[in-house]
Amino acid sequence: MLAAGAGALALSLSACAGGGIQGGGGGTGFVSGSDGVARVKKGERDAAPKLAGETIDGKQLDVSAAYKGKIVVLNVWGSWCPPCRAEAVNFKKVSEDLADDGVQFVGINTRDGSTRLPQEFENEYKIPYPSLYDPTGKLLLRFEAGTLNPQAVPTTLVIDREGKLAARMMKPLTEEQLRKMIKPILAEK
């Protein structure tokens, strides 16, 4: 049992610290640029899965219904993840800056056994947007293989105004990288 626990811990830490930038190829329809962002051209994008459930503060949220017609920046994070802590201040700033431009940020908290630590995380970083609580990864499993799906923590996805998966980055983002990732989707009409 101790060996299994150590293996699970090593897997979670490697997923958290790794954050690959590979993607595309094999007929998936997306290509990773030199900046590590995997992008899909408009008209070739897959629909985002239904993301709905309880937030870490106990409210109900259906992302597609609540934010229909908006660009949604989806950040998969855990309170236990040092890179998630490093990027939190960048997400707060950019989410506040782009709120009036029709951009809504949403978190998916994963692998936290209770909502206490995620709530402390959001309070510490003054996160202004909601986070769905997904301790076992059931929401993450709704993303189909071959699409821009989250494969590491942290992962950031951009969902376009039509509810389609437009971009993905599987590593912590600086403020500049986050803005650069969102800008082309924001410019789409």
C-alpha atoms as a PDB file:
ATOM      1  CA  MET A   1       0.000   0.000   0.000  1.00  0.00           C
ATOM      2  CA  LEU A   2       2.896   2.343   0.796  1.00  0.00           C
ATOM      3  CA  ALA A   3       4.458   1.636  -2.611  1.00  0.00           C
ATOM      4  CA  ALA A   4       1.152   2.352  -4.367  1.00  0.00           C
ATOM      5  CA  GLY A   5       0.806   5.642  -2.493  1.00  0.00           C
ATOM      6  CA  ALA A   6       4.369   6.643  -3.396  1.00  0.00           C
ATOM      7  CA  GLY A   7       3.695   5.798  -7.044  1.00  0.00           C
ATOM      8  CA  ALA A   8       0.523   7.874  -7.089  1.00  0.00           C
ATOM      9  CA  LEU A   9       2.350  10.798  -5.467  1.00  0.00           C
ATOM     10  CA  ALA A  10       5.176  10.608  -8.005  1.00  0.00           C
ATOM     11  CA  LEU A  11       2.651  10.548 -10.852  1.00  0.00           C
ATOM     12  CA  SER A  12       0.795  13.607  -9.534  1.00  0.00           C
ATOM     13  CA  LEU A  13       3.982  15.563  -8.983  1.00  0.00           C
ATOM     14  CA  SER A  14       5.337  14.702 -12.412  1.00  0.00           C
ATOM     15  CA  ALA A  15       2.060  15.756 -14.006  1.00  0.00           C
ATOM     16  CA  CYS A  16       2.114  19.005 -12.063  1.00  0.00           C
ATOM     17  CA  ALA A  17       5.733  19.877 -12.733  1.00  0.00           C
ATOM     18  CA  GLY A  18       5.954  18.495 -16.263  1.00  0.00           C
ATOM     19  CA  GLY A  19       3.563  20.423 -18.440  1.00  0.00           C
ATOM     20  CA  GLY A  20       4.491  19.218 -21.894  1.00  0.00           C
ATOM     21  CA  ILE A  21       4.174  21.275 -25.018  1.00  0.00           C
ATOM     22  CA  GLN A  22       3.733  18.443 -27.467  1.00  0.00           C
ATOM     23  CA  GLY A  23       0.562  18.011 -29.435  1.00  0.00           C
ATOM     24  CA  GLY A  24      -0.956  17.745 -32.851  1.00  0.00           C
ATOM     25  CA  GLY A  25      -0.004  15.309 -35.495  1.00  0.00           C
ATOM     26  CA  GLY A  26      -1.727  12.025 -36.089  1.00  0.00           C
ATOM     27  CA  GLY A  27      -4.749  13.692 -37.651  1.00  0.00           C
ATOM     28  CA  THR A  28      -5.811  15.447 -34.449  1.00  0.00           C
ATOM     29  CA  GLY A  29      -6.381  18.763 -36.223  1.00  0.00           C
ATOM     30  CA  PHE A  30      -4.216  20.876 -33.949  1.00  0.00           C
ATOM     31  CA  VAL A  31      -0.629  21.998 -34.135  1.00  0.00           C
ATOM     32  CA  SER A  32       1.679  23.220 -31.379  1.00  0.00           C
ATOM     33  CA  GLY A  33       3.416  26.429 -32.314  1.00  0.00           C
ATOM     34  CA  SER A  34       6.967  27.326 -31.348  1.00  0.00           C
ATOM     35  CA  ASP A  35       5.481  29.024 -28.277  1.00  0.00           C
ATOM     36  CA  GLY A  36       4.052  25.688 -27.081  1.00  0.00           C
ATOM     37  CA  VAL A  37       0.414  26.689 -27.599  1.00  0.00           C
ATOM     38  CA  ALA A  38      -1.609  24.074 -29.471  1.00  0.00           C
ATOM     39  CA  ARG A  39      -4.115  25.838 -31.723  1.00  0.00           C
ATOM     40  CA  VAL A  40      -6.960  24.759 -33.985  1.00  0.00           C
ATOM     41  CA  LYS A  41      -8.088  26.876 -36.932  1.00  0.00           C
ATOM     42  CA  LYS A  42     -11.582  28.308 -36.784  1.00  0.00           C
ATOM     43  CA  GLY A  43     -13.949  25.957 -38.608  1.00  0.00           C
ATOM     44  CA  GLU A  44     -11.911  22.868 -37.632  1.00  0.00           C
ATOM     45  CA  ARG A  45     -12.487  23.009 -33.868  1.00  0.00           C
ATOM     46  CA  ASP A  46     -14.205  20.398 -31.734  1.00  0.00           C
ATOM     47  CA  ALA A  47     -16.996  21.345 -29.353  1.00  0.00           C
ATOM     48  CA  ALA A  48     -16.011  21.643 -25.711  1.00  0.00           C
ATOM     49  CA  PRO A  49     -17.648  19.018 -23.498  1.00  0.00           C
ATOM     50  CA  LYS A  50     -20.426  19.915 -21.078  1.00  0.00           C
ATOM     51  CA  LEU A  51     -18.719  21.304 -18.014  1.00  0.00           C
ATOM     52  CA  ALA A  52     -21.178  21.660 -15.176  1.00  0.00           C
ATOM     53  CA  GLY A  53     -21.267  20.906 -11.497  1.00  0.00           C
ATOM     54  CA  GLU A  54     -20.531  22.286  -8.084  1.00  0.00           C
ATOM     55  CA  THR A  55     -17.960  25.031  -7.582  1.00  0.00           C
ATOM     56  CA  ILE A  56     -15.496  25.009  -4.699  1.00  0.00           C
ATOM     57  CA  ASP A  57     -17.773  27.446  -2.864  1.00  0.00           C
ATOM     58  CA  GLY A  58     -20.794  25.124  -3.178  1.00  0.00           C
ATOM     59  CA  LYS A  59     -22.666  26.857  -6.009  1.00  0.00           C
ATOM     60  CA  GLN A  60     -23.836  25.222  -9.228  1.00  0.00           C
ATOM     61  CA  LEU A  61     -22.254  26.252 -12.534  1.00  0.00           C
ATOM     62  CA  ASP A  62     -22.963  25.196 -16.113  1.00  0.00           C
ATOM     63  CA  VAL A  63     -20.160  26.836 -18.104  1.00  0.00           C
ATOM     64  CA  SER A  64     -21.784  26.727 -21.547  1.00  0.00           C
ATOM     65  CA  ALA A  65     -25.134  28.056 -20.289  1.00  0.00           C
ATOM     66  CA  ALA A  66     -23.695  30.742 -18.009  1.00  0.00           C
ATOM     67  CA  TYR A  67     -21.137  32.047 -20.503  1.00  0.00           C
ATOM     68  CA  LYS A  68     -22.779  31.435 -23.875  1.00  0.00           C
ATOM     69  CA  GLY A  69     -21.240  33.708 -26.536  1.00  0.00           C
ATOM     70  CA  LYS A  70     -18.190  34.501 -24.408  1.00  0.00           C
ATOM     71  CA  ILE A  71     -14.618  33.355 -24.758  1.00  0.00           C
ATOM     72  CA  VAL A  72     -13.905  31.042 -21.828  1.00  0.00           C
ATOM     73  CA  VAL A  73     -10.384  30.609 -20.496  1.00  0.00           C
ATOM     74  CA  LEU A  74     -10.387  27.322 -18.608  1.00  0.00           C
ATOM     75  CA  ASN A  75      -7.557  26.684 -16.143  1.00  0.00           C
ATOM     76  CA  VAL A  76      -7.067  23.210 -14.649  1.00  0.00           C
ATOM     77  CA  TRP A  77      -5.325  23.566 -11.285  1.00  0.00           C
ATOM     78  CA  GLY A  78      -4.757  22.077  -7.854  1.00  0.00           C
ATOM     79  CA  SER A  79      -3.947  23.744  -4.554  1.00  0.00           C
ATOM     80  CA  TRP A  80      -1.079  21.238  -4.161  1.00  0.00           C
ATOM     81  CA  CYS A  81       0.554  22.316  -7.469  1.00  0.00           C
ATOM     82  CA  PRO A  82       3.482  24.802  -7.184  1.00  0.00           C
ATOM     83  CA  PRO A  83       3.267  25.877 -10.877  1.00  0.00           C
ATOM     84  CA  CYS A  84      -0.443  26.627 -10.334  1.00  0.00           C
ATOM     85  CA  ARG A  85       0.510  28.930  -7.491  1.00  0.00           C
ATOM     86  CA  ALA A  86       3.126  30.623  -9.688  1.00  0.00           C
ATOM     87  CA  GLU A  87       0.623  31.416 -12.443  1.00  0.00           C
ATOM     88  CA  ALA A  88      -2.337  32.391 -10.215  1.00  0.00           C
ATOM     89  CA  VAL A  89      -1.399  36.073 -10.023  1.00  0.00           C
ATOM     90  CA  ASN A  90      -1.208  36.209 -13.852  1.00  0.00           C
ATOM     91  CA  PHE A  91      -4.653  34.661 -14.251  1.00  0.00           C
ATOM     92  CA  LYS A  92      -6.156  37.095 -11.739  1.00  0.00           C
ATOM     93  CA  LYS A  93      -4.715  40.128 -13.551  1.00  0.00           C
ATOM     94  CA  VAL A  94      -5.626  39.033 -17.085  1.00  0.00           C
ATOM     95  CA  SER A  95      -9.119  37.893 -16.052  1.00  0.00           C
ATOM     96  CA  GLU A  96      -9.821  41.306 -14.557  1.00  0.00           C
ATOM     97  CA  ASP A  97      -8.323  43.145 -17.549  1.00  0.00           C
ATOM     98  CA  LEU A  98     -10.367  41.203 -20.124  1.00  0.00           C
ATOM     99  CA  ALA A  99     -13.686  40.904 -18.264  1.00  0.00           C
ATOM    100  CA  ASP A 100     -15.224  43.803 -20.230  1.00  0.00           C
ATOM    101  CA  ASP A 101     -14.076  42.243 -23.530  1.00  0.00           C
ATOM    102  CA  GLY A 102     -16.343  39.191 -23.237  1.00  0.00           C
ATOM    103  CA  VAL A 103     -13.679  36.887 -21.764  1.00  0.00           C
ATOM    104  CA  GLN A 104     -14.671  34.735 -18.782  1.00  0.00           C
ATOM    105  CA  PHE A 105     -12.164  32.728 -16.772  1.00  0.00           C
ATOM    106  CA  VAL A 106     -13.201  29.478 -15.082  1.00  0.00           C
ATOM    107  CA  GLY A 107     -11.075  27.097 -13.052  1.00  0.00           C
ATOM    108  CA  ILE A 108     -11.345  23.351 -12.683  1.00  0.00           C
ATOM    109  CA  ASN A 109      -9.852  22.334  -9.359  1.00  0.00           C
ATOM    110  CA  THR A 110      -8.715  18.722  -9.431  1.00  0.00           C
ATOM    111  CA  ARG A 111      -7.194  16.155  -7.058  1.00  0.00           C
ATOM    112  CA  ASP A 112      -7.968  18.113  -3.893  1.00  0.00           C
ATOM    113  CA  GLY A 113      -9.742  15.852  -1.373  1.00  0.00           C
ATOM    114  CA  SER A 114     -11.892  18.633   0.063  1.00  0.00           C
ATOM    115  CA  THR A 115     -12.754  22.206  -0.818  1.00  0.00           C
ATOM    116  CA  ARG A 116     -10.904  23.710   2.161  1.00  0.00           C
ATOM    117  CA  LEU A 117      -7.456  24.017   0.511  1.00  0.00           C
ATOM    118  CA  PRO A 118      -8.806  25.217  -2.861  1.00  0.00           C
ATOM    119  CA  GLN A 119     -10.860  27.877  -1.059  1.00  0.00           C
ATOM    120  CA  GLU A 120      -7.741  28.975   0.848  1.00  0.00           C
ATOM    121  CA  PHE A 121      -5.823  29.091  -2.465  1.00  0.00           C
ATOM    122  CA  GLU A 122      -8.481  31.276  -4.101  1.00  0.00           C
ATOM    123  CA  ASN A 123      -8.649  33.566  -1.052  1.00  0.00           C
ATOM    124  CA  GLU A 124      -4.847  33.902  -0.901  1.00  0.00           C
ATOM    125  CA  TYR A 125      -4.590  34.859  -4.595  1.00  0.00           C
ATOM    126  CA  LYS A 126      -7.910  36.776  -4.630  1.00  0.00           C
ATOM    127  CA  ILE A 127      -9.153  34.772  -7.616  1.00  0.00           C
ATOM    128  CA  PRO A 128     -12.212  36.647  -8.981  1.00  0.00           C
ATOM    129  CA  TYR A 129     -13.712  33.843 -11.086  1.00  0.00           C
ATOM    130  CA  PRO A 130     -15.410  30.522 -10.226  1.00  0.00           C
ATOM    131  CA  SER A 131     -13.767  27.116 -10.130  1.00  0.00           C
ATOM    132  CA  LEU A 132     -15.586  23.838 -10.603  1.00  0.00           C
ATOM    133  CA  TYR A 133     -14.650  21.250  -7.979  1.00  0.00           C
ATOM    134  CA  ASP A 134     -13.493  18.022  -9.665  1.00  0.00           C
ATOM    135  CA  PRO A 135     -11.584  15.982  -7.058  1.00  0.00           C
ATOM    136  CA  THR A 136     -11.576  12.731  -9.059  1.00  0.00           C
ATOM    137  CA  GLY A 137     -11.146  14.156 -12.566  1.00  0.00           C
ATOM    138  CA  LYS A 138     -14.604  13.222 -13.877  1.00  0.00           C
ATOM    139  CA  LEU A 139     -15.005  16.573 -15.654  1.00  0.00           C
ATOM    140  CA  LEU A 140     -11.569  16.220 -17.221  1.00  0.00           C
ATOM    141  CA  LEU A 141     -12.549  12.814 -18.609  1.00  0.00           C
ATOM    142  CA  ARG A 142     -15.331  14.483 -20.618  1.00  0.00           C
ATOM    143  CA  PHE A 143     -12.731  15.818 -23.070  1.00  0.00           C
ATOM    144  CA  GLU A 144     -12.443  13.393 -25.968  1.00  0.00           C
ATOM    145  CA  ALA A 145      -9.129  11.876 -27.007  1.00  0.00           C
ATOM    146  CA  GLY A 146      -7.704  13.603 -30.068  1.00  0.00           C
ATOM    147  CA  THR A 147      -9.114  16.981 -29.041  1.00  0.00           C
ATOM    148  CA  LEU A 148      -7.429  19.748 -27.099  1.00  0.00           C
ATOM    149  CA  ASN A 149      -7.825  17.936 -23.801  1.00  0.00           C
ATOM    150  CA  PRO A 150      -6.122  18.624 -20.474  1.00  0.00           C
ATOM    151  CA  GLN A 151      -3.363  16.079 -19.918  1.00  0.00           C
ATOM    152  CA  ALA A 152      -1.397  17.747 -17.129  1.00  0.00           C
ATOM    153  CA  VAL A 153      -1.843  20.117 -14.215  1.00  0.00           C
ATOM    154  CA  PRO A 154      -1.736  22.984 -14.903  1.00  0.00           C
ATOM    155  CA  THR A 155      -3.383  23.108 -18.311  1.00  0.00           C
ATOM    156  CA  THR A 156      -5.090  26.130 -19.811  1.00  0.00           C
ATOM    157  CA  LEU A 157      -7.681  25.885 -22.579  1.00  0.00           C
ATOM    158  CA  VAL A 158      -9.373  28.650 -24.540  1.00  0.00           C
ATOM    159  CA  ILE A 159     -12.935  27.980 -25.680  1.00  0.00           C
ATOM    160  CA  ASP A 160     -14.134  30.291 -28.459  1.00  0.00           C
ATOM    161  CA  ARG A 161     -17.421  32.222 -28.564  1.00  0.00           C
ATOM    162  CA  GLU A 162     -19.094  29.250 -30.289  1.00  0.00           C
ATOM    163  CA  GLY A 163     -18.173  26.850 -27.480  1.00  0.00           C
ATOM    164  CA  LYS A 164     -15.337  25.171 -29.387  1.00  0.00           C
ATOM    165  CA  LEU A 165     -11.844  24.252 -28.231  1.00  0.00           C
ATOM    166  CA  ALA A 166      -9.467  26.777 -29.812  1.00  0.00           C
ATOM    167  CA  ALA A 167      -6.156  26.630 -27.902  1.00  0.00           C
ATOM    168  CA  ARG A 168      -4.310  24.735 -25.176  1.00  0.00           C
ATOM    169  CA  MET A 169      -1.136  25.149 -23.140  1.00  0.00           C
ATOM    170  CA  MET A 170       0.051  22.427 -20.776  1.00  0.00           C
ATOM    171  CA  LYS A 171       2.451  24.363 -18.591  1.00  0.00           C
ATOM    172  CA  PRO A 172       2.301  27.350 -16.245  1.00  0.00           C
ATOM    173  CA  LEU A 173       1.770  30.640 -18.066  1.00  0.00           C
ATOM    174  CA  THR A 174       3.270  34.060 -17.598  1.00  0.00           C
ATOM    175  CA  GLU A 175       0.986  37.053 -18.018  1.00  0.00           C
ATOM    176  CA  GLU A 176       2.472  37.716 -21.465  1.00  0.00           C
ATOM    177  CA  GLN A 177       1.997  34.105 -22.607  1.00  0.00           C
ATOM    178  CA  LEU A 178      -1.596  34.069 -21.378  1.00  0.00           C
ATOM    179  CA  ARG A 179      -2.435  37.297 -23.219  1.00  0.00           C
ATOM    180  CA  LYS A 180      -0.746  36.010 -26.381  1.00  0.00           C
ATOM    181  CA  MET A 181      -2.767  32.786 -26.164  1.00  0.00           C
ATOM    182  CA  ILE A 182      -6.097  34.630 -25.869  1.00  0.00           C
ATOM    183  CA  LYS A 183      -5.441  37.484 -28.332  1.00  0.00           C
ATOM    184  CA  PRO A 184      -6.100  35.622 -31.632  1.00  0.00           C
ATOM    185  CA  ILE A 185      -9.386  34.177 -30.359  1.00  0.00           C
ATOM    186  CA  LEU A 186     -10.421  37.596 -29.045  1.00  0.00           C
ATOM    187  CA  ALA A 187      -9.755  39.054 -32.511  1.00  0.00           C
ATOM    188  CA  GLU A 188     -12.087  36.529 -34.223  1.00  0.00           C
ATOM    189  CA  LYS A 189     -15.470  37.770 -35.357  1.00  0.00           C
END
